Amino acid sequence: MKLRKGDKVRIMAGKDKGKDGVIDRVYPKQEKILIQGINLIKRHIKKNQELPDGGIIDIPKAVQSSSVMLICPKCEKTTRVGFKLDKSKKVRSCKKCKATFK
């Protein structure tokens, strides 16, 4: 998977199309990512110690990695990710401006 935790991404499909966010967690086997504040669902919670009154809370759900695009840290455009060899080390690179990043 070409996306990593901490990457800034833009949602390209779905109900949150056009929103930006930072990746919180990556699930490589399911090819999904969790982005804070994106793809929120309502969850009804019973009374417990954390929520003495119970209620309805918003929980972020994982998004398919194919429905997001990486925002390049240098050119600030949505781009695909490529790989280059840099001193015998494989690094990610922007397909538009050719900049490399971790």
PDB file of N, CA and C in Angstrom:
ATOM      1  N   MET A   1       0.845  -1.170   0.000  1.00  0.00           N
ATOM      2  CA  MET A   1       0.000   0.000   0.000  1.00  0.00           C
ATOM      3  C   MET A   1       0.896   1.241   0.000  1.00  0.00           C
ATOM      4  N   LYS A   2       0.543   2.222  -0.793  1.00  0.00           N
ATOM      5  CA  LYS A   2       1.388   3.396  -0.987  1.00  0.00           C
ATOM      6  C   LYS A   2       1.091   4.536  -0.015  1.00  0.00           C
ATOM      7  N   LEU A   3       0.041   4.406   0.767  1.00  0.00           N
ATOM      8  CA  LEU A   3      -0.317   5.438   1.735  1.00  0.00           C
ATOM      9  C   LEU A   3       0.158   5.025   3.120  1.00  0.00           C
ATOM     10  N   ARG A   4       0.551   6.029   3.923  1.00  0.00           N
ATOM     11  CA  ARG A   4       1.060   5.757   5.265  1.00  0.00           C
ATOM     12  C   ARG A   4       0.396   6.664   6.287  1.00  0.00           C
ATOM     13  N   LYS A   5       0.547   6.297   7.539  1.00  0.00           N
ATOM     14  CA  LYS A   5       0.017   7.100   8.637  1.00  0.00           C
ATOM     15  C   LYS A   5       0.678   8.478   8.616  1.00  0.00           C
ATOM     16  N   GLY A   6      -0.135   9.524   8.762  1.00  0.00           N
ATOM     17  CA  GLY A   6       0.393  10.890   8.765  1.00  0.00           C
ATOM     18  C   GLY A   6       0.321  11.577   7.417  1.00  0.00           C
ATOM     19  N   ASP A   7      -0.005  10.848   6.342  1.00  0.00           N
ATOM     20  CA  ASP A   7      -0.131  11.446   5.009  1.00  0.00           C
ATOM     21  C   ASP A   7      -1.398  12.288   4.941  1.00  0.00           C
ATOM     22  N   LYS A   8      -1.317  13.386   4.215  1.00  0.00           N
ATOM     23  CA  LYS A   8      -2.494  14.223   3.981  1.00  0.00           C
ATOM     24  C   LYS A   8      -3.140  13.741   2.688  1.00  0.00           C
ATOM     25  N   VAL A   9      -4.439  13.464   2.737  1.00  0.00           N
ATOM     26  CA  VAL A   9      -5.152  12.916   1.580  1.00  0.00           C
ATOM     27  C   VAL A   9      -6.432  13.694   1.330  1.00  0.00           C
ATOM     28  N   ARG A  10      -6.957  13.564   0.107  1.00  0.00           N
ATOM     29  CA  ARG A  10      -8.240  14.150  -0.278  1.00  0.00           C
ATOM     30  C   ARG A  10      -9.164  13.021  -0.710  1.00  0.00           C
ATOM     31  N   ILE A  11     -10.416  13.063  -0.245  1.00  0.00           N
ATOM     32  CA  ILE A  11     -11.412  12.058  -0.601  1.00  0.00           C
ATOM     33  C   ILE A  11     -11.903  12.362  -2.018  1.00  0.00           C
ATOM     34  N   MET A  12     -11.868  11.355  -2.891  1.00  0.00           N
ATOM     35  CA  MET A  12     -12.234  11.533  -4.294  1.00  0.00           C
ATOM     36  C   MET A  12     -13.603  10.944  -4.630  1.00  0.00           C
ATOM     37  N   ALA A  13     -14.176  10.135  -3.740  1.00  0.00           N
ATOM     38  CA  ALA A  13     -15.472   9.513  -4.021  1.00  0.00           C
ATOM     39  C   ALA A  13     -16.225   9.302  -2.718  1.00  0.00           C
ATOM     40  N   GLY A  14     -17.539   9.281  -2.798  1.00  0.00           N
ATOM     41  CA  GLY A  14     -18.368   9.010  -1.635  1.00  0.00           C
ATOM     42  C   GLY A  14     -19.012  10.260  -1.070  1.00  0.00           C
ATOM     43  N   LYS A  15     -19.603  10.122   0.101  1.00  0.00           N
ATOM     44  CA  LYS A  15     -20.366  11.228   0.693  1.00  0.00           C
ATOM     45  C   LYS A  15     -19.480  12.374   1.164  1.00  0.00           C
ATOM     46  N   ASP A  16     -18.202  12.122   1.416  1.00  0.00           N
ATOM     47  CA  ASP A  16     -17.275  13.161   1.872  1.00  0.00           C
ATOM     48  C   ASP A  16     -16.350  13.636   0.753  1.00  0.00           C
ATOM     49  N   LYS A  17     -16.768  13.496  -0.482  1.00  0.00           N
ATOM     50  CA  LYS A  17     -15.947  13.860  -1.634  1.00  0.00           C
ATOM     51  C   LYS A  17     -15.478  15.315  -1.544  1.00  0.00           C
ATOM     52  N   GLY A  18     -14.161  15.531  -1.743  1.00  0.00           N
ATOM     53  CA  GLY A  18     -13.591  16.868  -1.726  1.00  0.00           C
ATOM     54  C   GLY A  18     -12.998  17.282  -0.386  1.00  0.00           C
ATOM     55  N   LYS A  19     -13.238  16.517   0.672  1.00  0.00           N
ATOM     56  CA  LYS A  19     -12.701  16.856   1.991  1.00  0.00           C
ATOM     57  C   LYS A  19     -11.262  16.365   2.125  1.00  0.00           C
ATOM     58  N   ASP A  20     -10.467  17.103   2.922  1.00  0.00           N
ATOM     59  CA  ASP A  20      -9.087  16.728   3.194  1.00  0.00           C
ATOM     60  C   ASP A  20      -8.969  16.214   4.617  1.00  0.00           C
ATOM     61  N   GLY A  21      -7.985  15.357   4.841  1.00  0.00           N
ATOM     62  CA  GLY A  21      -7.745  14.841   6.184  1.00  0.00           C
ATOM     63  C   GLY A  21      -6.392  14.177   6.264  1.00  0.00           C
ATOM     64  N   VAL A  22      -5.999  13.838   7.486  1.00  0.00           N
ATOM     65  CA  VAL A  22      -4.724  13.174   7.742  1.00  0.00           C
ATOM     66  C   VAL A  22      -5.013  11.742   8.170  1.00  0.00           C
ATOM     67  N   ILE A  23      -4.252  10.803   7.646  1.00  0.00           N
ATOM     68  CA  ILE A  23      -4.460   9.385   7.933  1.00  0.00           C
ATOM     69  C   ILE A  23      -4.062   9.090   9.375  1.00  0.00           C
ATOM     70  N   ASP A  24      -4.988   8.473  10.134  1.00  0.00           N
ATOM     71  CA  ASP A  24      -4.728   8.081  11.515  1.00  0.00           C
ATOM     72  C   ASP A  24      -4.225   6.644  11.612  1.00  0.00           C
ATOM     73  N   ARG A  25      -4.794   5.770  10.796  1.00  0.00           N
ATOM     74  CA  ARG A  25      -4.445   4.359  10.866  1.00  0.00           C
ATOM     75  C   ARG A  25      -4.607   3.726   9.496  1.00  0.00           C
ATOM     76  N   VAL A  26      -3.767   2.732   9.200  1.00  0.00           N
ATOM     77  CA  VAL A  26      -3.801   2.038   7.912  1.00  0.00           C
ATOM     78  C   VAL A  26      -4.060   0.561   8.162  1.00  0.00           C
ATOM     79  N   TYR A  27      -4.990  -0.006   7.396  1.00  0.00           N
ATOM     80  CA  TYR A  27      -5.296  -1.429   7.453  1.00  0.00           C
ATOM     81  C   TYR A  27      -4.896  -2.045   6.104  1.00  0.00           C
ATOM     82  N   PRO A  28      -3.641  -2.492   5.956  1.00  0.00           N
ATOM     83  CA  PRO A  28      -3.172  -2.939   4.644  1.00  0.00           C
ATOM     84  C   PRO A  28      -3.857  -4.199   4.105  1.00  0.00           C
ATOM     85  N   LYS A  29      -4.230  -5.140   4.966  1.00  0.00           N
ATOM     86  CA  LYS A  29      -4.860  -6.376   4.480  1.00  0.00           C
ATOM     87  C   LYS A  29      -6.229  -6.106   3.876  1.00  0.00           C
ATOM     88  N   GLN A  30      -6.988  -5.168   4.468  1.00  0.00           N
ATOM     89  CA  GLN A  30      -8.305  -4.819   3.931  1.00  0.00           C
ATOM     90  C   GLN A  30      -8.215  -3.685   2.917  1.00  0.00           C
ATOM     91  N   GLU A  31      -7.041  -3.097   2.741  1.00  0.00           N
ATOM     92  CA  GLU A  31      -6.807  -1.943   1.867  1.00  0.00           C
ATOM     93  C   GLU A  31      -7.742  -0.792   2.238  1.00  0.00           C
ATOM     94  N   LYS A  32      -7.790  -0.497   3.547  1.00  0.00           N
ATOM     95  CA  LYS A  32      -8.610   0.598   4.058  1.00  0.00           C
ATOM     96  C   LYS A  32      -7.759   1.503   4.926  1.00  0.00           C
ATOM     97  N   ILE A  33      -8.224   2.751   5.067  1.00  0.00           N
ATOM     98  CA  ILE A  33      -7.537   3.712   5.913  1.00  0.00           C
ATOM     99  C   ILE A  33      -8.563   4.423   6.792  1.00  0.00           C
ATOM    100  N   LEU A  34      -8.114   4.876   7.963  1.00  0.00           N
ATOM    101  CA  LEU A  34      -8.971   5.606   8.887  1.00  0.00           C
ATOM    102  C   LEU A  34      -8.508   7.051   8.912  1.00  0.00           C
ATOM    103  N   ILE A  35      -9.434   7.972   8.642  1.00  0.00           N
ATOM    104  CA  ILE A  35      -9.132   9.399   8.605  1.00  0.00           C
ATOM    105  C   ILE A  35     -10.018  10.080   9.634  1.00  0.00           C
ATOM    106  N   GLN A  36      -9.387  10.819  10.561  1.00  0.00           N
ATOM    107  CA  GLN A  36     -10.140  11.480  11.621  1.00  0.00           C
ATOM    108  C   GLN A  36     -11.075  12.538  11.030  1.00  0.00           C
ATOM    109  N   GLY A  37     -12.356  12.496  11.418  1.00  0.00           N
ATOM    110  CA  GLY A  37     -13.335  13.485  10.973  1.00  0.00           C
ATOM    111  C   GLY A  37     -13.959  13.200   9.619  1.00  0.00           C
ATOM    112  N   ILE A  38     -13.589  12.105   8.974  1.00  0.00           N
ATOM    113  CA  ILE A  38     -14.122  11.742   7.661  1.00  0.00           C
ATOM    114  C   ILE A  38     -14.882  10.419   7.787  1.00  0.00           C
ATOM    115  N   ASN A  39     -15.969  10.285   7.034  1.00  0.00           N
ATOM    116  CA  ASN A  39     -16.793   9.077   6.998  1.00  0.00           C
ATOM    117  C   ASN A  39     -17.338   8.748   8.395  1.00  0.00           C
ATOM    118  N   LEU A  40     -17.942   9.738   9.031  1.00  0.00           N
ATOM    119  CA  LEU A  40     -18.500   9.564  10.366  1.00  0.00           C
ATOM    120  C   LEU A  40     -19.846   8.860  10.302  1.00  0.00           C
ATOM    121  N   ILE A  41     -20.077   7.960  11.252  1.00  0.00           N
ATOM    122  CA  ILE A  41     -21.372   7.289  11.375  1.00  0.00           C
ATOM    123  C   ILE A  41     -21.923   7.579  12.762  1.00  0.00           C
ATOM    124  N   LYS A  42     -23.229   7.495  12.914  1.00  0.00           N
ATOM    125  CA  LYS A  42     -23.890   7.686  14.203  1.00  0.00           C
ATOM    126  C   LYS A  42     -23.959   6.339  14.910  1.00  0.00           C
ATOM    127  N   ARG A  43     -23.635   6.338  16.190  1.00  0.00           N
ATOM    128  CA  ARG A  43     -23.673   5.111  16.976  1.00  0.00           C
ATOM    129  C   ARG A  43     -24.460   5.369  18.258  1.00  0.00           C
ATOM    130  N   HIS A  44     -25.466   4.530  18.532  1.00  0.00           N
ATOM    131  CA  HIS A  44     -26.261   4.659  19.748  1.00  0.00           C
ATOM    132  C   HIS A  44     -25.567   3.891  20.865  1.00  0.00           C
ATOM    133  N   ILE A  45     -25.270   4.583  21.961  1.00  0.00           N
ATOM    134  CA  ILE A  45     -24.512   4.005  23.062  1.00  0.00           C
ATOM    135  C   ILE A  45     -25.389   3.920  24.315  1.00  0.00           C
ATOM    136  N   LYS A  46     -25.329   2.770  24.997  1.00  0.00           N
ATOM    137  CA  LYS A  46     -26.033   2.604  26.267  1.00  0.00           C
ATOM    138  C   LYS A  46     -25.331   3.409  27.350  1.00  0.00           C
ATOM    139  N   LYS A  47     -25.971   3.540  28.479  1.00  0.00           N
ATOM    140  CA  LYS A  47     -25.347   4.194  29.625  1.00  0.00           C
ATOM    141  C   LYS A  47     -24.133   3.371  30.067  1.00  0.00           C
ATOM    142  N   ASN A  48     -23.026   4.067  30.383  1.00  0.00           N
ATOM    143  CA  ASN A  48     -21.850   3.420  30.947  1.00  0.00           C
ATOM    144  C   ASN A  48     -21.065   4.443  31.751  1.00  0.00           C
ATOM    145  N   GLN A  49     -19.901   4.089  32.258  1.00  0.00           N
ATOM    146  CA  GLN A  49     -19.138   5.004  33.096  1.00  0.00           C
ATOM    147  C   GLN A  49     -18.629   6.208  32.303  1.00  0.00           C
ATOM    148  N   GLU A  50     -18.271   5.994  31.046  1.00  0.00           N
ATOM    149  CA  GLU A  50     -17.776   7.096  30.227  1.00  0.00           C
ATOM    150  C   GLU A  50     -18.893   8.055  29.831  1.00  0.00           C
ATOM    151  N   LEU A  51     -20.048   7.501  29.470  1.00  0.00           N
ATOM    152  CA  LEU A  51     -21.226   8.298  29.113  1.00  0.00           C
ATOM    153  C   LEU A  51     -22.371   7.934  30.048  1.00  0.00           C
ATOM    154  N   PRO A  52     -22.491   8.629  31.189  1.00  0.00           N
ATOM    155  CA  PRO A  52     -23.533   8.255  32.155  1.00  0.00           C
ATOM    156  C   PRO A  52     -24.954   8.398  31.624  1.00  0.00           C
ATOM    157  N   ASP A  53     -25.159   9.278  30.626  1.00  0.00           N
ATOM    158  CA  ASP A  53     -26.494   9.446  30.057  1.00  0.00           C
ATOM    159  C   ASP A  53     -26.710   8.614  28.804  1.00  0.00           C
ATOM    160  N   GLY A  54     -25.651   8.004  28.286  1.00  0.00           N
ATOM    161  CA  GLY A  54     -25.756   7.303  27.014  1.00  0.00           C
ATOM    162  C   GLY A  54     -25.859   8.320  25.903  1.00  0.00           C
ATOM    163  N   GLY A  55     -26.420   7.942  24.768  1.00  0.00           N
ATOM    164  CA  GLY A  55     -26.648   8.901  23.700  1.00  0.00           C
ATOM    165  C   GLY A  55     -26.136   8.442  22.353  1.00  0.00           C
ATOM    166  N   ILE A  56     -26.105   9.387  21.426  1.00  0.00           N
ATOM    167  CA  ILE A  56     -25.692   9.126  20.056  1.00  0.00           C
ATOM    168  C   ILE A  56     -24.352   9.820  19.836  1.00  0.00           C
ATOM    169  N   ILE A  57     -23.345   9.060  19.393  1.00  0.00           N
ATOM    170  CA  ILE A  57     -22.019   9.641  19.149  1.00  0.00           C
ATOM    171  C   ILE A  57     -21.609   9.392  17.702  1.00  0.00           C
ATOM    172  N   ASP A  58     -20.667  10.207  17.205  1.00  0.00           N
ATOM    173  CA  ASP A  58     -20.121  10.041  15.860  1.00  0.00           C
ATOM    174  C   ASP A  58     -18.820   9.255  15.941  1.00  0.00           C
ATOM    175  N   ILE A  59     -18.696   8.226  15.111  1.00  0.00           N
ATOM    176  CA  ILE A  59     -17.499   7.391  15.072  1.00  0.00           C
ATOM    177  C   ILE A  59     -16.972   7.378  13.640  1.00  0.00           C
ATOM    178  N   PRO A  60     -15.668   7.612  13.443  1.00  0.00           N
ATOM    179  CA  PRO A  60     -15.117   7.506  12.083  1.00  0.00           C
ATOM    180  C   PRO A  60     -14.970   6.049  11.667  1.00  0.00           C
ATOM    181  N   LYS A  61     -15.351   5.744  10.439  1.00  0.00           N
ATOM    182  CA  LYS A  61     -15.202   4.400   9.881  1.00  0.00           C
ATOM    183  C   LYS A  61     -14.104   4.424   8.830  1.00  0.00           C
ATOM    184  N   ALA A  62     -13.522   3.277   8.549  1.00  0.00           N
ATOM    185  CA  ALA A  62     -12.441   3.169   7.569  1.00  0.00           C
ATOM    186  C   ALA A  62     -12.973   3.399   6.157  1.00  0.00           C
ATOM    187  N   VAL A  63     -12.109   3.956   5.297  1.00  0.00           N
ATOM    188  CA  VAL A  63     -12.444   4.283   3.910  1.00  0.00           C
ATOM    189  C   VAL A  63     -11.559   3.434   3.001  1.00  0.00           C
ATOM    190  N   GLN A  64     -12.087   3.032   1.849  1.00  0.00           N
ATOM    191  CA  GLN A  64     -11.270   2.314   0.879  1.00  0.00           C
ATOM    192  C   GLN A  64     -10.108   3.204   0.433  1.00  0.00           C
ATOM    193  N   SER A  65      -8.912   2.636   0.356  1.00  0.00           N
ATOM    194  CA  SER A  65      -7.748   3.424  -0.027  1.00  0.00           C
ATOM    195  C   SER A  65      -7.817   3.853  -1.490  1.00  0.00           C
ATOM    196  N   SER A  66      -8.615   3.163  -2.295  1.00  0.00           N
ATOM    197  CA  SER A  66      -8.728   3.524  -3.707  1.00  0.00           C
ATOM    198  C   SER A  66      -9.569   4.778  -3.916  1.00  0.00           C
ATOM    199  N   SER A  67     -10.309   5.207  -2.883  1.00  0.00           N
ATOM    200  CA  SER A  67     -11.164   6.387  -3.034  1.00  0.00           C
ATOM    201  C   SER A  67     -10.518   7.661  -2.503  1.00  0.00           C
ATOM    202  N   VAL A  68      -9.214   7.614  -2.198  1.00  0.00           N
ATOM    203  CA  VAL A  68      -8.497   8.806  -1.754  1.00  0.00           C
ATOM    204  C   VAL A  68      -7.248   9.008  -2.614  1.00  0.00           C
ATOM    205  N   MET A  69      -6.775  10.263  -2.641  1.00  0.00           N
ATOM    206  CA  MET A  69      -5.522  10.569  -3.333  1.00  0.00           C
ATOM    207  C   MET A  69      -4.618  11.349  -2.394  1.00  0.00           C
ATOM    208  N   LEU A  70      -3.350  11.057  -2.472  1.00  0.00           N
ATOM    209  CA  LEU A  70      -2.352  11.725  -1.653  1.00  0.00           C
ATOM    210  C   LEU A  70      -2.186  13.179  -2.093  1.00  0.00           C
ATOM    211  N   ILE A  71      -2.043  14.092  -1.139  1.00  0.00           N
ATOM    212  CA  ILE A  71      -1.722  15.483  -1.441  1.00  0.00           C
ATOM    213  C   ILE A  71      -0.223  15.639  -1.249  1.00  0.00           C
ATOM    214  N   CYS A  72       0.478  16.017  -2.316  1.00  0.00           N
ATOM    215  CA  CYS A  72       1.937  16.153  -2.286  1.00  0.00           C
ATOM    216  C   CYS A  72       2.325  17.262  -1.305  1.00  0.00           C
ATOM    217  N   PRO A  73       3.286  16.992  -0.402  1.00  0.00           N
ATOM    218  CA  PRO A  73       3.689  18.020   0.551  1.00  0.00           C
ATOM    219  C   PRO A  73       4.407  19.208  -0.102  1.00  0.00           C
ATOM    220  N   LYS A  74       4.977  19.016  -1.293  1.00  0.00           N
ATOM    221  CA  LYS A  74       5.708  20.094  -1.941  1.00  0.00           C
ATOM    222  C   LYS A  74       4.813  20.953  -2.830  1.00  0.00           C
ATOM    223  N   CYS A  75       4.104  20.319  -3.780  1.00  0.00           N
ATOM    224  CA  CYS A  75       3.313  21.091  -4.744  1.00  0.00           C
ATOM    225  C   CYS A  75       1.852  21.277  -4.318  1.00  0.00           C
ATOM    226  N   GLU A  76       1.421  20.624  -3.217  1.00  0.00           N
ATOM    227  CA  GLU A  76       0.064  20.760  -2.677  1.00  0.00           C
ATOM    228  C   GLU A  76      -1.030  20.349  -3.663  1.00  0.00           C
ATOM    229  N   LYS A  77      -0.725  19.431  -4.575  1.00  0.00           N
ATOM    230  CA  LYS A  77      -1.715  18.923  -5.524  1.00  0.00           C
ATOM    231  C   LYS A  77      -1.973  17.456  -5.239  1.00  0.00           C
ATOM    232  N   THR A  78      -3.176  16.981  -5.602  1.00  0.00           N
ATOM    233  CA  THR A  78      -3.445  15.553  -5.479  1.00  0.00           C
ATOM    234  C   THR A  78      -2.647  14.833  -6.543  1.00  0.00           C
ATOM    235  N   THR A  79      -2.043  13.731  -6.159  1.00  0.00           N
ATOM    236  CA  THR A  79      -1.154  13.032  -7.075  1.00  0.00           C
ATOM    237  C   THR A  79      -1.144  11.532  -6.799  1.00  0.00           C
ATOM    238  N   ARG A  80      -0.659  10.806  -7.774  1.00  0.00           N
ATOM    239  CA  ARG A  80      -0.389   9.395  -7.576  1.00  0.00           C
ATOM    240  C   ARG A  80       1.009   9.267  -6.990  1.00  0.00           C
ATOM    241  N   VAL A  81       1.305   8.123  -6.423  1.00  0.00           N
ATOM    242  CA  VAL A  81       2.589   7.913  -5.766  1.00  0.00           C
ATOM    243  C   VAL A  81       3.431   6.960  -6.605  1.00  0.00           C
ATOM    244  N   GLY A  82       4.681   7.342  -6.813  1.00  0.00           N
ATOM    245  CA  GLY A  82       5.638   6.478  -7.483  1.00  0.00           C
ATOM    246  C   GLY A  82       6.770   6.165  -6.526  1.00  0.00           C
ATOM    247  N   PHE A  83       7.680   5.314  -6.961  1.00  0.00           N
ATOM    248  CA  PHE A  83       8.837   4.966  -6.139  1.00  0.00           C
ATOM    249  C   PHE A  83      10.109   5.210  -6.918  1.00  0.00           C
ATOM    250  N   LYS A  84      11.159   5.658  -6.206  1.00  0.00           N
ATOM    251  CA  LYS A  84      12.483   5.868  -6.788  1.00  0.00           C
ATOM    252  C   LYS A  84      13.516   5.252  -5.865  1.00  0.00           C
ATOM    253  N   LEU A  85      14.674   4.935  -6.420  1.00  0.00           N
ATOM    254  CA  LEU A  85      15.789   4.487  -5.609  1.00  0.00           C
ATOM    255  C   LEU A  85      16.664   5.686  -5.298  1.00  0.00           C
ATOM    256  N   ASP A  86      16.881   5.928  -4.017  1.00  0.00           N
ATOM    257  CA  ASP A  86      17.705   7.043  -3.584  1.00  0.00           C
ATOM    258  C   ASP A  86      18.795   6.488  -2.670  1.00  0.00           C
ATOM    259  N   LYS A  87      20.019   6.388  -3.196  1.00  0.00           N
ATOM    260  CA  LYS A  87      21.142   5.814  -2.443  1.00  0.00           C
ATOM    261  C   LYS A  87      20.791   4.419  -1.929  1.00  0.00           C
ATOM    262  N   SER A  88      20.358   3.570  -2.823  1.00  0.00           N
ATOM    263  CA  SER A  88      19.953   2.188  -2.548  1.00  0.00           C
ATOM    264  C   SER A  88      18.835   2.088  -1.514  1.00  0.00           C
ATOM    265  N   LYS A  89      18.006   3.126  -1.432  1.00  0.00           N
ATOM    266  CA  LYS A  89      16.852   3.146  -0.543  1.00  0.00           C
ATOM    267  C   LYS A  89      15.620   3.480  -1.363  1.00  0.00           C
ATOM    268  N   LYS A  90      14.550   2.743  -1.180  1.00  0.00           N
ATOM    269  CA  LYS A  90      13.320   2.965  -1.921  1.00  0.00           C
ATOM    270  C   LYS A  90      12.519   4.072  -1.250  1.00  0.00           C
ATOM    271  N   VAL A  91      12.266   5.176  -1.971  1.00  0.00           N
ATOM    272  CA  VAL A  91      11.507   6.302  -1.417  1.00  0.00           C
ATOM    273  C   VAL A  91      10.307   6.591  -2.307  1.00  0.00           C
ATOM    274  N   ARG A  92       9.270   7.180  -1.725  1.00  0.00           N
ATOM    275  CA  ARG A  92       8.074   7.549  -2.487  1.00  0.00           C
ATOM    276  C   ARG A  92       8.313   8.876  -3.184  1.00  0.00           C
ATOM    277  N   SER A  93       7.644   9.056  -4.330  1.00  0.00           N
ATOM    278  CA  SER A  93       7.806  10.303  -5.073  1.00  0.00           C
ATOM    279  C   SER A  93       6.471  10.730  -5.676  1.00  0.00           C
ATOM    280  N   CYS A  94       6.354  12.043  -5.903  1.00  0.00           N
ATOM    281  CA  CYS A  94       5.176  12.639  -6.518  1.00  0.00           C
ATOM    282  C   CYS A  94       5.277  12.450  -8.031  1.00  0.00           C
ATOM    283  N   LYS A  95       4.195  12.009  -8.658  1.00  0.00           N
ATOM    284  CA  LYS A  95       4.204  11.812 -10.103  1.00  0.00           C
ATOM    285  C   LYS A  95       4.114  13.135 -10.870  1.00  0.00           C
ATOM    286  N   LYS A  96       3.652  14.215 -10.207  1.00  0.00           N
ATOM    287  CA  LYS A  96       3.497  15.498 -10.904  1.00  0.00           C
ATOM    288  C   LYS A  96       4.756  16.343 -10.828  1.00  0.00           C
ATOM    289  N   CYS A  97       5.309  16.547  -9.614  1.00  0.00           N
ATOM    290  CA  CYS A  97       6.461  17.448  -9.495  1.00  0.00           C
ATOM    291  C   CYS A  97       7.770  16.692  -9.285  1.00  0.00           C
ATOM    292  N   LYS A  98       7.712  15.355  -9.244  1.00  0.00           N
ATOM    293  CA  LYS A  98       8.879  14.484  -9.106  1.00  0.00           C
ATOM    294  C   LYS A  98       9.619  14.641  -7.777  1.00  0.00           C
ATOM    295  N   ALA A  99       9.019  15.291  -6.778  1.00  0.00           N
ATOM    296  CA  ALA A  99       9.645  15.457  -5.473  1.00  0.00           C
ATOM    297  C   ALA A  99       9.570  14.131  -4.710  1.00  0.00           C
ATOM    298  N   THR A 100      10.575  13.857  -3.895  1.00  0.00           N
ATOM    299  CA  THR A 100      10.587  12.649  -3.083  1.00  0.00           C
ATOM    300  C   THR A 100      10.230  13.011  -1.640  1.00  0.00           C
ATOM    301  N   PHE A 101       9.610  12.069  -0.960  1.00  0.00           N
ATOM    302  CA  PHE A 101       9.247  12.264   0.434  1.00  0.00           C
ATOM    303  C   PHE A 101       9.286  10.915   1.137  1.00  0.00           C
ATOM    304  N   LYS A 102       9.272  10.941   2.457  1.00  0.00           N
ATOM    305  CA  LYS A 102       9.438   9.706   3.220  1.00  0.00           C
ATOM    306  C   LYS A 102       8.343   8.732   3.032  1.00  0.00           C
TER     307      LYS A 102
END
